[in-house]
C-alpha cells in the first residue's frame, strides 16, 4: 500500500512537472503568436521610420510614431526624458525583474537612397538615410516590448518591461544624457540589438570615443590685393590637421583619429575669417581617449598660435566602450540558435545577388544570413552610446541579418536593403530573440543576480560613472551646425 502511495506521488509529481513545462512552453509559444499578430503593425512602423529618415535630435515624427504605437498597446509613456524632446520611455507591468529594451531611430546625413539595388540617391529636404538601420532597431525593439507585455499579462508572472526611445546615437550620445539623468535607474537588465549582415550574440566590445568641433576665427581680406592684412582661419584648420596627421605615428596602434572640415570659407579670393573641423578620437580604453583628445586640443592651440588666429572648441559627444555581459550573451545565443536565421524568397534572393555585386570586398556571402555565427569574443572599432549603459546595467545585445551579407554599415546598400522585406524579416527575428530572452529572465530571476555579479566584477569596486562629455547639455542642434 505504501509502495502504491509512493508510486502515485511520483506519478503526480511527474504529471505536475509535465504540466508546468507544458504551461511554460505554451507561454513561450504565445509570445511568438503575439509577434505574428503585430507583424503588419510594426513592419509599417519600420517603413514609416525609414521614410522619415530624421537625423539626431530632430526625430520628431519618429519619436511620436513610436510613442503613439506603444501608448495604444497599453504602455505608460513619459516624453522628453533627460531634457531631450525626442527621448522617451514606455513602461508596463509591476514588480521585478525590470527589463529595459533600447530603441533607436535616427538617420545619417547625405545617404538618401531608394530601395533600388543600384545607387540611386533621392533628393529630399535633408538628404538623410537610414544607413545604420535604426528604423529597424526602433521598430523591432518596440515590437518585442509589446510581445513581452502581452506575455506578462497572460502569464501572471511579476515583472516590468520598459522601452527606451533613445535619439541621436549617431554622434549625439543620446543614451549618455539619459544615463546621466538617472532615467535608467532601477532597471535590472538592459537588452538591445542592431541591424547588420549576420546573426550573432557573441560578447562584443567596442572603442570608447570623444568628438569635438574646433572653430578658428581669423581676419578676412582680399586674397590677392591685401593678403598681408588677413589671417586665414582655414590655415588654422589645415595646420591643425597636419599636426594631427603627424601625431598618428605616435599613438597606440588601436587608436582611431578622423575628421571632416565642416566650414572652410566661401570664395578663394577672400581670406576665410571662419573655419571649422570636426574630430573623432577612439580607443578601447576611455582613459586613453581622454589623453588623445587632450593632445588633439594641443594641436589646435598650436595651430592658432602659428597662424595668428583664435581657436575655440566644443566637446560634441563621448561614449564608453561597450562592456559585454557573458551571462546575458549566452542566453541570447541560445535563443538565436533555437530560432534560426533568415531565409530569402526567390525574389529576395535575386535582389540580394544584384546588390551583392555592388559590394566592395564583402566579408560574407549570400546564404550566411541563414546561420547563427559561433559564440566568440570580438572587438569592433566603432563606438556606440550603448557603451555607457553597459557600465551601469548588465546589458545584452545581438546582431541580426537585416542587410545582404557583406554589406557595410553607413552605406547606401544598407539604406536600400533596410527598406525591403529582407530588412523586415531580420527585424522580426530580432523581436523574437529579444522577447524570448526577456521571458527566460522573468522565469529564471537568478539570471539577473548572475549578470549583476558579473558586471560588478568587470567594473571593479572603485568604479564611479562620469560621462566623458562632462556636464554639457544635449547638443540638440548638432546636425544643424
Protein backbone atom coordinates (compact mmCIF):
# COMPACT_ATOMS: atom_id res chain seq x y z
CA UNK A 1 0.00 0.00 0.00
CA UNK A 2 2.83 2.35 0.91
CA UNK A 3 4.56 1.43 -2.34
CA UNK A 4 1.38 2.21 -4.24
CA UNK A 5 1.09 5.58 -2.50
CA UNK A 6 4.72 6.38 -3.21
CA UNK A 7 4.23 5.42 -6.84
CA UNK A 8 1.13 7.61 -7.02
CA UNK A 9 3.05 10.54 -5.56
CA UNK A 10 5.84 10.09 -8.10
CA UNK A 11 3.36 9.90 -10.95
CA UNK A 12 1.61 13.00 -9.65
CA UNK A 13 4.94 14.83 -9.40
CA UNK A 14 5.87 13.80 -12.93
CA UNK A 15 2.44 14.86 -14.17
CA UNK A 16 2.79 18.22 -12.42
CA UNK A 17 6.26 18.66 -13.89
CA UNK A 18 4.92 17.91 -17.36
CA UNK A 19 2.02 20.32 -16.77
CA UNK A 20 4.35 23.11 -15.65
CA UNK A 21 6.72 22.51 -18.56
CA UNK A 22 3.78 22.46 -20.97
CA UNK A 23 2.47 25.69 -19.46
CA UNK A 24 5.83 27.37 -19.88
CA UNK A 25 6.12 26.08 -23.43
CA UNK A 26 2.62 27.33 -24.12
CA UNK A 27 3.63 30.73 -22.73
CA UNK A 28 6.67 30.80 -24.98
CA UNK A 29 4.50 29.82 -27.94
CA UNK A 30 2.16 32.69 -27.09
CA UNK A 31 4.93 35.26 -27.42
CA UNK A 32 5.56 34.07 -30.98
CA UNK A 33 1.84 34.30 -31.69
CA UNK A 34 1.97 37.83 -30.35
CA UNK A 35 4.91 38.63 -32.63
CA UNK A 36 2.94 37.28 -35.59
CA UNK A 37 -0.24 39.17 -34.70
CA UNK A 38 1.62 42.51 -34.61
CA UNK A 39 3.69 41.88 -37.75
CA UNK A 40 1.86 44.21 -40.15
CA UNK A 41 1.70 46.92 -37.48
CA UNK A 42 5.42 47.05 -36.80
CA UNK A 43 6.52 46.42 -40.36
CA UNK A 44 4.60 49.58 -41.23
CA UNK A 45 6.26 51.39 -38.32
CA UNK A 46 9.68 50.34 -39.62
CA UNK A 47 8.96 51.55 -43.15
CA UNK A 48 7.48 54.82 -41.87
CA UNK A 49 10.67 55.43 -39.88
CA UNK A 50 12.70 54.59 -42.99
CA UNK A 51 10.75 57.20 -44.94
CA UNK A 52 11.01 59.84 -42.20
CA UNK A 53 14.83 59.45 -42.11
CA UNK A 54 15.18 62.09 -39.38
CA UNK A 55 18.63 62.95 -38.04
CA UNK A 56 19.79 63.13 -34.43
CA UNK A 57 17.58 65.13 -32.03
CA UNK A 58 15.35 66.05 -34.99
CA UNK A 59 13.34 62.79 -34.89
CA UNK A 60 10.02 64.45 -34.04
CA UNK A 61 7.82 62.31 -36.30
CA UNK A 62 9.73 59.13 -35.49
CA UNK A 63 9.51 59.56 -31.71
CA UNK A 64 5.82 60.46 -31.89
CA UNK A 65 5.03 57.42 -34.04
CA UNK A 66 6.70 55.02 -31.60
CA UNK A 67 5.10 56.69 -28.59
CA UNK A 68 1.64 56.55 -30.16
CA UNK A 69 2.02 52.87 -31.04
CA UNK A 70 3.14 51.91 -27.55
CA UNK A 71 0.51 54.03 -25.85
CA UNK A 72 -2.16 52.34 -27.95
CA UNK A 73 -0.88 48.98 -26.68
CA UNK A 74 -1.33 49.99 -23.03
CA UNK A 75 2.12 51.33 -22.15
CA UNK A 76 2.54 54.34 -19.88
CA UNK A 77 4.58 56.81 -21.93
CA UNK A 78 6.82 59.54 -20.50
CA UNK A 79 8.06 62.02 -23.09
CA UNK A 80 11.05 64.33 -23.08
CA UNK A 81 13.23 62.46 -20.60
CA UNK A 82 16.71 63.84 -19.86
CA UNK A 83 15.64 67.23 -21.29
CA UNK A 84 15.62 65.74 -24.79
CA UNK A 85 12.35 66.34 -26.67
CA UNK A 86 12.61 63.15 -28.75
CA UNK A 87 13.70 60.85 -25.88
CA UNK A 88 11.04 58.87 -24.03
CA UNK A 89 10.24 55.74 -22.09
CA UNK A 90 7.20 53.48 -22.29
CA UNK A 91 6.60 51.03 -19.43
CA UNK A 92 4.24 48.27 -18.46
CA UNK A 93 3.95 45.87 -15.51
CA UNK A 94 4.77 45.77 -11.83
CA UNK A 95 7.34 44.13 -9.62
CA UNK A 96 10.54 42.67 -10.87
CA UNK A 97 12.70 41.87 -12.68
CA UNK A 98 12.67 45.17 -14.60
CA UNK A 99 13.90 44.65 -18.16
CA UNK A 100 14.70 47.64 -20.33
CA UNK A 101 14.79 47.48 -24.12
CA UNK A 102 16.65 50.11 -26.12
CA UNK A 103 15.29 51.51 -29.37
CA UNK A 104 17.00 53.90 -31.79
CA UNK A 105 15.55 55.72 -34.80
CA UNK A 106 17.95 58.41 -36.09
CA UNK A 107 19.26 58.54 -39.66
CA UNK A 108 22.60 59.64 -41.16
CA UNK A 109 23.17 62.72 -43.32
CA UNK A 110 23.96 62.51 -47.02
CA UNK A 111 22.73 58.96 -47.59
CA UNK A 112 19.27 59.29 -49.09
CA UNK A 113 18.58 56.21 -51.21
CA UNK A 114 15.66 54.31 -52.74
CA UNK A 115 15.20 50.56 -52.33
CA UNK A 116 16.89 50.01 -55.69
CA UNK A 117 19.77 47.51 -55.71
CA UNK A 118 21.73 50.20 -57.54
CA UNK A 119 22.91 53.55 -56.20
CA UNK A 120 20.02 55.92 -56.69
CA UNK A 121 20.27 59.00 -54.48
CA UNK A 122 16.91 60.58 -53.74
CA UNK A 123 16.86 64.32 -53.26
CA UNK A 124 14.82 65.38 -50.25
CA UNK A 125 14.77 68.05 -47.55
CA UNK A 126 17.66 66.59 -45.56
CA UNK A 127 19.33 64.09 -47.85
CA UNK A 128 19.44 61.71 -44.89
CA UNK A 129 19.06 57.94 -44.99
CA UNK A 130 18.72 55.04 -42.56
CA UNK A 131 22.21 53.77 -43.29
CA UNK A 132 22.66 52.09 -39.90
CA UNK A 133 19.21 50.51 -39.79
CA UNK A 134 17.97 52.43 -36.76
CA UNK A 135 14.44 52.43 -38.17
CA UNK A 136 14.51 48.65 -37.85
CA UNK A 137 16.15 48.89 -34.43
CA UNK A 138 13.38 51.12 -33.07
CA UNK A 139 10.51 49.20 -34.64
CA UNK A 140 11.89 45.76 -33.73
CA UNK A 141 12.53 46.68 -30.12
CA UNK A 142 9.05 48.17 -29.74
CA UNK A 143 7.62 45.04 -31.38
CA UNK A 144 9.40 42.88 -28.81
CA UNK A 145 8.24 45.11 -25.94
CA UNK A 146 4.59 44.65 -26.97
CA UNK A 147 5.01 40.87 -27.18
CA UNK A 148 6.62 40.83 -23.73
CA UNK A 149 3.82 43.00 -22.31
CA UNK A 150 1.17 40.62 -23.64
CA UNK A 151 3.04 37.62 -22.24
CA UNK A 152 3.25 39.27 -18.81
CA UNK A 153 -0.49 39.85 -18.91
CA UNK A 154 -1.22 36.22 -19.71
CA UNK A 155 1.38 34.53 -17.51
CA UNK A 156 0.74 36.48 -14.28
CA UNK A 157 4.48 36.41 -13.63
CA UNK A 158 5.66 39.60 -11.90
CA UNK A 159 7.87 41.83 -13.98
CA UNK A 160 8.10 45.15 -15.76
CA UNK A 161 9.20 45.95 -19.31
CA UNK A 162 10.45 49.43 -20.21
CA UNK A 163 11.06 50.53 -23.79
CA UNK A 164 13.50 53.43 -24.09
CA UNK A 165 13.30 55.64 -27.16
CA UNK A 166 16.88 56.85 -27.49
CA UNK A 167 17.61 59.50 -30.13
CA UNK A 168 20.84 60.69 -31.74
CA UNK A 169 23.04 57.62 -31.41
CA UNK A 170 24.97 58.79 -34.47
CA UNK A 171 27.32 61.35 -32.93
CA UNK A 172 24.83 62.75 -30.45
CA UNK A 173 25.29 60.35 -27.49
CA UNK A 174 21.60 60.39 -26.63
CA UNK A 175 21.89 57.48 -24.20
CA UNK A 176 24.72 59.16 -22.32
CA UNK A 177 22.48 62.09 -21.37
CA UNK A 178 19.70 59.66 -20.44
CA UNK A 179 22.13 57.65 -18.29
CA UNK A 180 23.49 60.81 -16.68
CA UNK A 181 19.95 61.96 -15.84
CA UNK A 182 19.20 58.77 -13.90
CA UNK A 183 16.38 57.71 -16.22
CA UNK A 184 17.88 54.20 -16.45
CA UNK A 185 17.93 53.81 -12.67
CA UNK A 186 16.09 50.79 -11.23
CA UNK A 187 16.42 48.78 -14.45
CA UNK A 188 17.79 45.31 -13.69
CA UNK A 189 18.69 44.17 -17.22
CA UNK A 190 19.02 46.09 -20.49
CA UNK A 191 18.56 44.40 -23.87
CA UNK A 192 19.25 45.73 -27.35
CA UNK A 193 20.00 44.60 -30.88
CA UNK A 194 21.44 46.07 -34.03
CA UNK A 195 20.81 45.56 -37.74
CA UNK A 196 23.70 44.04 -39.66
CA UNK A 197 24.65 41.39 -42.19
CA UNK A 198 24.96 38.40 -39.83
CA UNK A 199 23.21 36.79 -36.87
CA UNK A 200 25.26 36.67 -33.70
CA UNK A 201 25.17 37.08 -29.95
CA UNK A 202 28.91 36.98 -29.33
CA UNK A 203 30.21 39.16 -26.49
CA UNK A 204 31.48 42.19 -28.37
CA UNK A 205 33.43 45.16 -27.06
CA UNK A 206 33.82 48.47 -28.89
CA UNK A 207 36.00 51.56 -28.85
CA UNK A 208 35.42 54.39 -26.46
CA UNK A 209 35.34 57.77 -28.20
CA UNK A 210 35.14 61.55 -27.90
CA UNK A 211 34.39 64.10 -30.57
CA UNK A 212 34.77 67.85 -30.82
CA UNK A 213 34.26 70.74 -33.20
CA UNK A 214 37.25 73.10 -33.44
CA UNK A 215 36.42 76.59 -34.68
CA UNK A 216 39.08 79.02 -35.88
CA UNK A 217 38.46 82.76 -36.31
CA UNK A 218 40.75 84.99 -38.35
CA UNK A 219 40.64 88.25 -40.29
CA UNK A 220 39.15 88.49 -43.77
CA UNK A 221 40.94 90.40 -46.53
CA UNK A 222 41.31 90.39 -50.29
CA UNK A 223 43.39 87.32 -51.01
CA UNK A 224 45.17 88.98 -53.97
CA UNK A 225 45.49 92.70 -53.24
CA UNK A 226 45.84 92.65 -49.44
CA UNK A 227 46.71 89.13 -48.20
CA UNK A 228 49.09 90.59 -45.57
CA UNK A 229 46.10 92.15 -43.83
CA UNK A 230 44.34 88.82 -43.44
CA UNK A 231 44.69 85.91 -41.05
CA UNK A 232 43.24 82.74 -42.52
CA UNK A 233 41.03 80.64 -40.27
CA UNK A 234 41.37 77.89 -42.89
CA UNK A 235 45.14 77.97 -42.40
CA UNK A 236 44.45 77.27 -38.73
CA UNK A 237 42.32 74.24 -39.60
CA UNK A 238 44.86 72.92 -42.11
CA UNK A 239 47.78 73.43 -39.71
CA UNK A 240 45.87 71.54 -37.02
CA UNK A 241 45.07 68.69 -39.41
CA UNK A 242 48.71 68.46 -40.47
CA UNK A 243 49.88 68.15 -36.87
CA UNK A 244 47.22 65.55 -36.04
CA UNK A 245 48.23 63.53 -39.09
CA UNK A 246 51.86 63.60 -37.91
CA UNK A 247 50.62 62.57 -34.47
CA UNK A 248 49.20 59.33 -35.90
CA UNK A 249 52.69 57.79 -35.88
CA UNK A 250 52.91 58.29 -32.13
CA UNK A 251 49.62 56.93 -30.79
CA UNK A 252 48.67 53.37 -29.73
CA UNK A 253 48.03 51.16 -32.74
CA UNK A 254 44.38 50.56 -31.96
CA UNK A 255 43.59 54.28 -31.84
CA UNK A 256 41.43 55.92 -34.49
CA UNK A 257 41.54 59.62 -35.44
CA UNK A 258 39.29 61.01 -38.17
CA UNK A 259 37.87 64.35 -39.19
CA UNK A 260 35.90 66.40 -41.70
CA UNK A 261 36.23 70.10 -42.48
CA UNK A 262 32.74 71.44 -41.91
CA UNK A 263 33.49 75.09 -42.77
CA UNK A 264 36.35 76.27 -44.95
CA UNK A 265 35.44 79.61 -46.47
CA UNK A 266 33.16 80.67 -49.30
CA UNK A 267 35.36 82.20 -52.00
CA UNK A 268 39.03 81.65 -52.97
CA UNK A 269 39.69 85.36 -53.29
CA UNK A 270 38.60 86.10 -49.72
CA UNK A 271 40.82 85.14 -46.80
CA UNK A 272 38.47 82.98 -44.69
CA UNK A 273 37.75 84.52 -41.31
CA UNK A 274 35.87 81.43 -40.09
CA UNK A 275 36.70 77.74 -40.47
CA UNK A 276 35.82 74.62 -38.55
CA UNK A 277 36.92 70.99 -38.34
CA UNK A 278 35.05 68.12 -36.65
CA UNK A 279 37.16 65.38 -34.99
CA UNK A 280 36.50 61.88 -33.64
CA UNK A 281 39.04 60.22 -31.32
CA UNK A 282 38.69 56.50 -30.48
CA UNK A 283 40.44 53.83 -28.43
CA UNK A 284 39.25 50.76 -26.50
CA UNK A 285 40.09 52.46 -23.17
CA UNK A 286 38.36 55.69 -22.25
CA UNK A 287 41.40 56.89 -20.26
CA UNK A 288 43.48 56.76 -23.46
CA UNK A 289 40.72 58.54 -25.38
CA UNK A 290 40.85 61.42 -22.89
CA UNK A 291 44.65 61.63 -23.24
CA UNK A 292 44.49 61.57 -27.06
CA UNK A 293 41.74 64.17 -27.16
CA UNK A 294 43.83 66.46 -24.97
CA UNK A 295 46.70 66.09 -27.46
CA UNK A 296 44.38 66.99 -30.32
CA UNK A 297 43.38 70.11 -28.40
CA UNK A 298 47.10 70.94 -28.07
CA UNK A 299 47.50 70.77 -31.86
CA UNK A 300 44.58 73.18 -32.24
CA UNK A 301 46.13 75.61 -29.79
CA UNK A 302 49.46 75.39 -31.62
CA UNK A 303 47.79 75.90 -34.98
CA UNK A 304 46.03 79.03 -33.75
CA UNK A 305 49.28 80.45 -32.36
CA UNK A 306 51.17 79.76 -35.58
CA UNK A 307 48.52 81.23 -37.89
CA UNK A 308 47.57 84.25 -35.82
CA UNK A 309 44.01 83.08 -35.37
CA UNK A 310 41.76 82.39 -32.41
CA UNK A 311 40.51 78.89 -31.61
CA UNK A 312 37.63 77.58 -29.54
CA UNK A 313 36.31 74.04 -29.32
CA UNK A 314 33.22 72.21 -28.14
CA UNK A 315 33.08 68.59 -26.99
CA UNK A 316 30.21 67.16 -29.02
CA UNK A 317 29.89 63.68 -27.59
CA UNK A 318 31.68 60.94 -25.72
CA UNK A 319 30.95 57.24 -25.28
CA UNK A 320 32.33 54.50 -23.07
CA UNK A 321 33.41 51.24 -24.66
CA UNK A 322 30.77 48.53 -24.79
CA UNK A 323 31.16 46.17 -21.82
CA UNK A 324 29.74 42.76 -22.77
CA UNK A 325 27.96 40.62 -20.19
CA UNK A 326 28.50 36.94 -20.95
CA UNK A 327 25.74 35.80 -18.64
CA UNK A 328 23.25 37.55 -20.89
CA UNK A 329 25.07 36.88 -24.17
CA UNK A 330 24.93 33.11 -23.62
CA UNK A 331 21.18 33.29 -23.05
CA UNK A 332 20.77 35.34 -26.22
CA UNK A 333 22.98 32.99 -28.21
CA UNK A 334 20.84 30.05 -27.15
CA UNK A 335 17.66 31.88 -28.18
CA UNK A 336 19.08 32.77 -31.58
CA UNK A 337 20.12 29.17 -32.16
CA UNK A 338 16.61 28.00 -31.26
CA UNK A 339 15.03 30.46 -33.68
CA UNK A 340 17.47 30.04 -36.57
CA UNK A 341 18.47 32.58 -39.21
CA UNK A 342 16.79 34.36 -42.11
CA UNK A 343 15.78 32.68 -45.38
CA UNK A 344 15.15 34.53 -48.65
CA UNK A 345 12.32 34.09 -51.12
CA UNK A 346 13.14 33.71 -54.82
CA UNK A 347 12.62 37.45 -55.37
CA UNK A 348 14.70 38.36 -52.31
CA UNK A 349 17.48 36.03 -53.46
CA UNK A 350 17.57 37.76 -56.85
CA UNK A 351 17.65 41.19 -55.20
CA UNK A 352 20.43 40.06 -52.85
CA UNK A 353 22.53 38.71 -55.71
CA UNK A 354 22.16 42.01 -57.58
CA UNK A 355 23.14 44.18 -54.64
CA UNK A 356 25.95 41.80 -53.65
CA UNK A 357 27.72 42.65 -56.91
CA UNK A 358 27.95 46.29 -55.79
CA UNK A 359 29.73 45.48 -52.50
CA UNK A 360 33.44 46.14 -52.10
CA UNK A 361 35.39 43.21 -50.62
CA UNK A 362 32.38 41.65 -48.85
CA UNK A 363 33.34 39.73 -45.73
CA UNK A 364 30.46 37.26 -46.07
CA UNK A 365 28.49 35.51 -48.77
CA UNK A 366 24.82 35.15 -49.56
CA UNK A 367 23.47 32.25 -47.53
CA UNK A 368 25.28 33.27 -44.35
CA UNK A 369 22.09 35.01 -43.23
CA UNK A 370 20.58 31.56 -42.68
CA UNK A 371 23.01 30.58 -39.94
CA UNK A 372 23.93 31.78 -36.46
CA UNK A 373 27.55 32.79 -36.02
CA UNK A 374 29.66 30.83 -33.50
CA UNK A 375 29.93 32.26 -30.00
CA UNK A 376 33.27 34.03 -29.52
CA UNK A 377 34.63 37.24 -28.01
CA UNK A 378 35.10 40.02 -30.57
CA UNK A 379 36.04 43.68 -30.69
CA UNK A 380 34.62 46.33 -33.01
CA UNK A 381 36.48 49.55 -33.77
CA UNK A 382 33.32 51.63 -33.97
CA UNK A 383 31.58 53.16 -30.97
CA UNK A 384 28.08 53.32 -29.52
CA UNK A 385 26.37 55.15 -26.70
CA UNK A 386 25.10 51.77 -25.51
CA UNK A 387 28.60 51.60 -24.02
CA UNK A 388 27.74 53.95 -21.15
CA UNK A 389 24.60 51.94 -20.38
CA UNK A 390 26.60 48.70 -20.24
CA UNK A 391 28.86 50.05 -17.46
CA UNK A 392 25.81 50.85 -15.32
CA UNK A 393 23.38 47.99 -16.04
CA UNK A 394 24.01 44.39 -17.17
CA UNK A 395 23.47 44.74 -20.92
CA UNK A 396 23.00 42.09 -23.57
CA UNK A 397 22.74 42.57 -27.32
CA UNK A 398 22.55 40.73 -30.61
CA UNK A 399 23.22 41.47 -34.26
CA UNK A 400 20.71 40.30 -36.86
CA UNK A 401 20.98 39.94 -40.64
CA UNK A 402 18.76 42.73 -41.96
CA UNK A 403 21.14 43.50 -44.83
CA UNK A 404 22.59 41.38 -47.60
CA UNK A 405 25.60 39.51 -46.12
CA UNK A 406 28.80 41.51 -46.51
CA UNK A 407 27.04 44.89 -46.54
CA UNK A 408 28.88 47.61 -44.67
CA UNK A 409 27.07 49.83 -42.20
CA UNK A 410 26.72 53.51 -43.16
CA UNK A 411 26.44 52.60 -46.83
CA UNK A 412 23.79 53.21 -49.48
CA UNK A 413 23.34 49.44 -49.74
CA UNK A 414 22.32 49.34 -46.05
CA UNK A 415 19.75 52.09 -46.67
CA UNK A 416 18.37 50.25 -49.68
CA UNK A 417 18.05 46.80 -48.15
CA UNK A 418 16.68 48.23 -44.90
CA UNK A 419 13.61 49.41 -46.78
CA UNK A 420 12.79 45.98 -48.21
CA UNK A 421 11.28 42.72 -46.98
CA UNK A 422 14.83 41.47 -46.29
CA UNK A 423 15.21 44.13 -43.62
CA UNK A 424 11.76 43.36 -42.22
CA UNK A 425 12.47 39.63 -41.96
CA UNK A 426 15.57 40.31 -39.89
CA UNK A 427 13.60 42.70 -37.70
CA UNK A 428 11.06 40.01 -36.91
CA UNK A 429 13.85 37.63 -35.91
CA UNK A 430 15.30 40.32 -33.62
CA UNK A 431 11.91 40.93 -31.99
CA UNK A 432 11.53 37.21 -31.34
CA UNK A 433 15.02 36.88 -29.88
CA UNK A 434 14.61 39.87 -27.56
CA UNK A 435 11.23 38.64 -26.36
CA UNK A 436 12.48 35.09 -25.84
CA UNK A 437 15.43 36.36 -23.81
CA UNK A 438 13.19 38.52 -21.63
CA UNK A 439 10.86 35.61 -20.95
CA UNK A 440 13.78 33.43 -19.92
CA UNK A 441 14.89 36.08 -17.43
CA UNK A 442 11.40 36.51 -15.97
CA UNK A 443 11.10 32.76 -15.50
CA UNK A 444 14.64 32.45 -14.07
CA UNK A 445 15.35 35.57 -11.99
CA UNK A 446 18.68 34.11 -10.89
CA UNK A 447 19.99 35.24 -14.28
CA UNK A 448 19.63 38.81 -13.03
CA UNK A 449 21.75 38.06 -9.97
CA UNK A 450 24.43 36.36 -12.05
CA UNK A 451 24.50 39.19 -14.59
CA UNK A 452 24.78 41.84 -11.88
CA UNK A 453 27.58 39.94 -10.17
CA UNK A 454 29.47 39.71 -13.46
CA UNK A 455 29.05 43.45 -14.05
CA UNK A 456 30.41 44.29 -10.61
CA UNK A 457 33.41 42.05 -11.18
CA UNK A 458 34.08 43.72 -14.54
CA UNK A 459 33.83 47.37 -13.45
CA UNK A 460 35.61 46.85 -10.13
CA UNK A 461 34.76 48.10 -6.63
CA UNK A 462 36.05 51.65 -7.20
CA UNK A 463 34.19 52.43 -10.41
CA UNK A 464 32.27 55.70 -10.41
CA UNK A 465 30.45 56.73 -13.55
CA UNK A 466 31.47 60.06 -15.06
CA UNK A 467 30.31 60.88 -18.57
CA UNK A 468 33.13 61.65 -20.99
CA UNK A 469 31.15 64.61 -22.33
CA UNK A 470 31.09 66.23 -18.89
CA UNK A 471 28.11 68.27 -17.75
CA UNK A 472 27.26 69.82 -21.10
CA UNK A 473 23.63 69.95 -22.18
CA UNK A 474 22.40 67.76 -25.04
CA UNK A 475 23.52 69.36 -28.36
CA UNK A 476 20.03 69.45 -29.82
CA UNK A 477 21.18 71.39 -32.89
CA UNK A 478 24.37 69.49 -33.63
CA UNK A 479 23.10 68.38 -37.03
CA UNK A 480 22.33 71.98 -37.98
CA UNK A 481 25.82 73.40 -37.33
